[in-house]
Protein backbone atom coordinates (compact mmCIF):
# COMPACT_ATOMS: atom_id res chain seq x y z
CA UNK A 1 0.16 0.08 -0.36
CA UNK A 2 1.65 3.55 -1.02
CA UNK A 3 0.95 6.21 1.43
CA UNK A 4 1.43 10.30 1.05
CA UNK A 5 2.43 12.12 2.86
CA UNK A 6 -0.17 15.07 3.56
CA UNK A 7 2.15 17.77 5.21
CA UNK A 8 5.42 17.92 2.89
CA UNK A 9 8.57 19.83 3.18
CA UNK A 10 9.44 22.19 1.03
CA UNK A 11 11.74 21.10 -1.78
CA UNK A 12 15.09 21.23 -1.68
CA UNK A 13 16.78 21.52 -5.49
CA UNK A 14 19.81 20.16 -4.36
CA UNK A 15 17.97 16.66 -3.03
CA UNK A 16 15.41 16.15 -5.58
CA UNK A 17 14.11 12.88 -6.23
CA UNK A 18 12.23 12.58 -9.56
CA UNK A 19 11.52 14.26 -12.49
CA UNK A 20 8.28 16.11 -11.70
CA UNK A 21 9.95 17.24 -8.56
CA UNK A 22 13.06 18.74 -10.13
CA UNK A 23 10.80 20.41 -12.67
CA UNK A 24 8.83 21.80 -10.02
CA UNK A 25 12.14 23.09 -8.31
CA UNK A 26 13.58 24.15 -11.44
CA UNK A 27 10.04 26.32 -12.44
CA UNK A 28 10.22 27.86 -8.34
CA UNK A 29 13.82 29.53 -8.84
CA UNK A 30 12.99 30.53 -12.25
CA UNK A 31 10.19 32.32 -10.76
CA UNK A 32 12.33 34.01 -8.33
CA UNK A 33 14.65 34.95 -10.76
CA UNK A 34 11.33 36.35 -13.04
CA UNK A 35 10.91 38.68 -10.02
CA UNK A 36 14.42 39.44 -8.40
CA UNK A 37 16.34 42.14 -10.95
CA UNK A 38 18.45 39.35 -12.14
CA UNK A 39 15.51 38.64 -14.94
CA UNK A 40 18.20 39.54 -17.65
CA UNK A 41 19.79 36.58 -17.07
CA UNK A 42 16.45 34.28 -17.98
CA UNK A 43 16.07 32.27 -21.41
CA UNK A 44 12.83 33.02 -23.10
CA UNK A 45 13.08 29.91 -24.73
CA UNK A 46 13.92 28.20 -21.43
CA UNK A 47 11.45 29.51 -20.30
CA UNK A 48 8.51 28.57 -22.65
CA UNK A 49 9.80 24.67 -23.17
CA UNK A 50 9.54 24.18 -19.47
CA UNK A 51 6.36 25.60 -19.07
CA UNK A 52 5.42 23.35 -21.92
CA UNK A 53 6.29 20.55 -20.04
CA UNK A 54 4.94 21.63 -16.76
CA UNK A 55 1.60 21.78 -18.67
CA UNK A 56 2.58 18.68 -19.67
CA UNK A 57 2.93 16.91 -16.36
CA UNK A 58 -0.18 18.38 -15.14
CA UNK A 59 -2.07 16.62 -18.06
CA UNK A 60 -0.37 13.33 -16.84
CA UNK A 61 -1.36 14.08 -13.28
CA UNK A 62 -4.89 14.16 -14.18
CA UNK A 63 -4.76 11.67 -16.14
CA UNK A 64 -3.19 9.48 -13.52
CA UNK A 65 -5.43 11.05 -11.42
CA UNK A 66 -8.26 9.97 -13.99
CA UNK A 67 -7.28 6.63 -14.24
CA UNK A 68 -6.66 6.54 -10.44
CA UNK A 69 -10.65 8.18 -10.02
CA UNK A 70 -12.09 4.77 -12.05
CA UNK A 71 -10.47 2.12 -10.28
CA UNK A 72 -11.13 4.25 -6.91
CA UNK A 73 -14.83 3.86 -8.59
CA UNK A 74 -14.55 0.04 -9.61
CA UNK A 75 -13.60 -0.75 -6.25
CA UNK A 76 -16.08 1.17 -4.52
CA UNK A 77 -18.64 -0.78 -6.78
CA UNK A 78 -17.16 -4.33 -5.77
CA UNK A 79 -17.42 -3.01 -2.58
CA UNK A 80 -21.54 -1.58 -2.30
CA UNK A 81 -21.70 -5.33 -4.55
CA UNK A 82 -19.88 -6.94 -1.75
CA UNK A 83 -22.16 -5.30 1.20
CA UNK A 84 -25.11 -6.04 -0.69
CA UNK A 85 -23.87 -10.01 -1.05
CA UNK A 86 -23.09 -9.31 2.97
CA UNK A 87 -26.29 -8.32 3.69
CA UNK A 88 -28.55 -10.29 1.58
CA UNK A 89 -26.14 -13.87 2.58
CA UNK A 90 -27.33 -12.71 6.32
CA UNK A 91 -30.86 -12.16 5.46
CA UNK A 92 -30.61 -15.77 4.18
CA UNK A 93 -28.67 -17.42 7.77
CA UNK A 94 -31.25 -15.73 9.44
CA UNK A 95 -34.00 -17.49 7.81
CA UNK A 96 -31.98 -20.30 7.73
CA UNK A 97 -31.52 -20.19 11.09
CA UNK A 98 -35.23 -19.73 12.06
CA UNK A 99 -36.37 -22.69 9.81
CA UNK A 100 -33.57 -24.96 11.79
CA UNK A 101 -35.21 -23.50 14.76
CA UNK A 102 -39.09 -24.06 14.24
CA UNK A 103 -37.44 -27.60 12.75
CA UNK A 104 -35.82 -28.48 16.02
CA UNK A 105 -38.60 -27.01 17.98
CA UNK A 106 -41.09 -29.62 15.92
CA UNK A 107 -39.23 -32.47 16.48
CA UNK A 108 -38.51 -32.33 20.30
CA UNK A 109 -42.35 -31.62 20.48
CA UNK A 110 -42.37 -35.08 18.60
CA UNK A 111 -40.00 -36.26 20.94
CA UNK A 112 -42.17 -34.97 23.85
CA UNK A 113 -45.24 -36.87 23.08
CA UNK A 114 -44.20 -40.21 21.85
CA UNK A 115 -42.03 -39.75 25.48
CA UNK A 116 -46.00 -38.90 26.68
CA UNK A 117 -47.44 -42.10 24.98
CA UNK A 118 -44.81 -44.41 26.06
CA UNK A 119 -45.21 -43.39 29.70
CA UNK A 120 -49.21 -43.94 29.10
CA UNK A 121 -48.52 -47.43 27.59
CA UNK A 122 -45.45 -48.23 30.61
CA UNK A 123 -48.45 -47.96 33.44
CA UNK A 124 -50.45 -49.77 31.16
CA UNK A 125 -48.02 -52.28 31.40
CA UNK A 126 -47.23 -51.71 34.82
CA UNK A 127 -51.63 -51.97 35.25
CA UNK A 128 -51.53 -54.96 33.45
CA UNK A 129 -48.75 -57.15 35.32
CA UNK A 130 -50.15 -56.58 38.48
CA UNK A 131 -53.50 -58.00 37.73
CA UNK A 132 -51.50 -60.80 36.50
CA UNK A 133 -49.24 -61.20 39.82
CA UNK A 134 -52.47 -60.38 41.86
CA UNK A 135 -53.42 -63.26 39.15
CA UNK A 136 -51.11 -65.93 39.87
CA UNK A 137 -51.41 -64.62 43.72
CA UNK A 138 -54.82 -65.55 44.15
CA UNK A 139 -54.13 -68.90 42.29
CA UNK A 140 -51.05 -69.95 44.73
CA UNK A 141 -53.39 -69.27 47.41
CA UNK A 142 -56.04 -71.56 46.57
CA UNK A 143 -53.70 -74.35 45.69
CA UNK A 144 -52.01 -73.37 48.91
CA UNK A 145 -55.79 -73.70 50.80
CA UNK A 146 -56.37 -76.71 48.42
CA UNK A 147 -53.25 -78.35 49.65
CA UNK A 148 -54.00 -77.76 53.47
CA UNK A 149 -57.50 -79.85 53.06
CA UNK A 150 -57.70 -83.10 53.35
CA UNK A 151 -60.84 -83.64 51.30
CA UNK A 152 -59.48 -82.20 48.33
CA UNK A 153 -60.28 -83.57 45.21
CA UNK A 154 -57.32 -84.46 42.90
CA UNK A 155 -58.71 -83.47 39.82
CA UNK A 156 -59.36 -80.53 41.24
CA UNK A 157 -55.97 -79.95 42.32
CA UNK A 158 -54.25 -80.78 39.36
CA UNK A 159 -56.66 -78.27 37.77
CA UNK A 160 -55.78 -75.47 39.53
CA UNK A 161 -51.72 -76.65 39.79
CA UNK A 162 -52.48 -76.48 36.06
CA UNK A 163 -53.99 -72.80 35.81
CA UNK A 164 -51.68 -71.83 38.12
CA UNK A 165 -48.38 -73.39 35.65
CA UNK A 166 -49.96 -71.88 32.66
CA UNK A 167 -51.27 -68.37 34.45
CA UNK A 168 -47.29 -68.05 35.83
CA UNK A 169 -45.91 -68.67 31.87
CA UNK A 170 -48.54 -65.93 31.17
CA UNK A 171 -47.14 -63.87 33.65
CA UNK A 172 -42.89 -64.07 32.67
CA UNK A 173 -43.76 -64.20 28.76
CA UNK A 174 -45.33 -61.08 29.17
CA UNK A 175 -42.61 -59.91 31.60
CA UNK A 176 -39.75 -60.89 28.95
CA UNK A 177 -41.89 -59.47 26.52
CA UNK A 178 -42.30 -56.21 28.05
CA UNK A 179 -38.51 -55.72 28.99
CA UNK A 180 -36.37 -53.51 26.27
């Protein structure tokens, strides 16, 4: 990046860096000669040539200035286009973020709904298992009572025992199948 000094010192004609500065220094010296009493030492042809060169230098400086102005304008247009694109991209990102948030909320609600359904199913399973457990306990209690009674019919005892085995199998299969 090129920097331009804003507060440049006066040009010393003995320490001139470029041709433009050298011509400017010579022009200042000649102007000084015209103003002073040594005006007779000034060559009019050299003054005209120097004035022509200064005019040409001014024209070239204006052309460089206009070129730089066009480049600056093109860069400014690119900056404006990029700023506009950045604003559009920001709007798109905000819309995308809102859509993602809405999808996330919908997903969370669906999960909550499924969890609620699973809770109700788990409660029903628990209730059913408790019911089967009560049935099995009742059958086992009847079997124990039948064993204690001496006058129990053997066929009724066998039937109760088979029913208890069936109930126990149903309860266990239900318990095993309901485990995740």
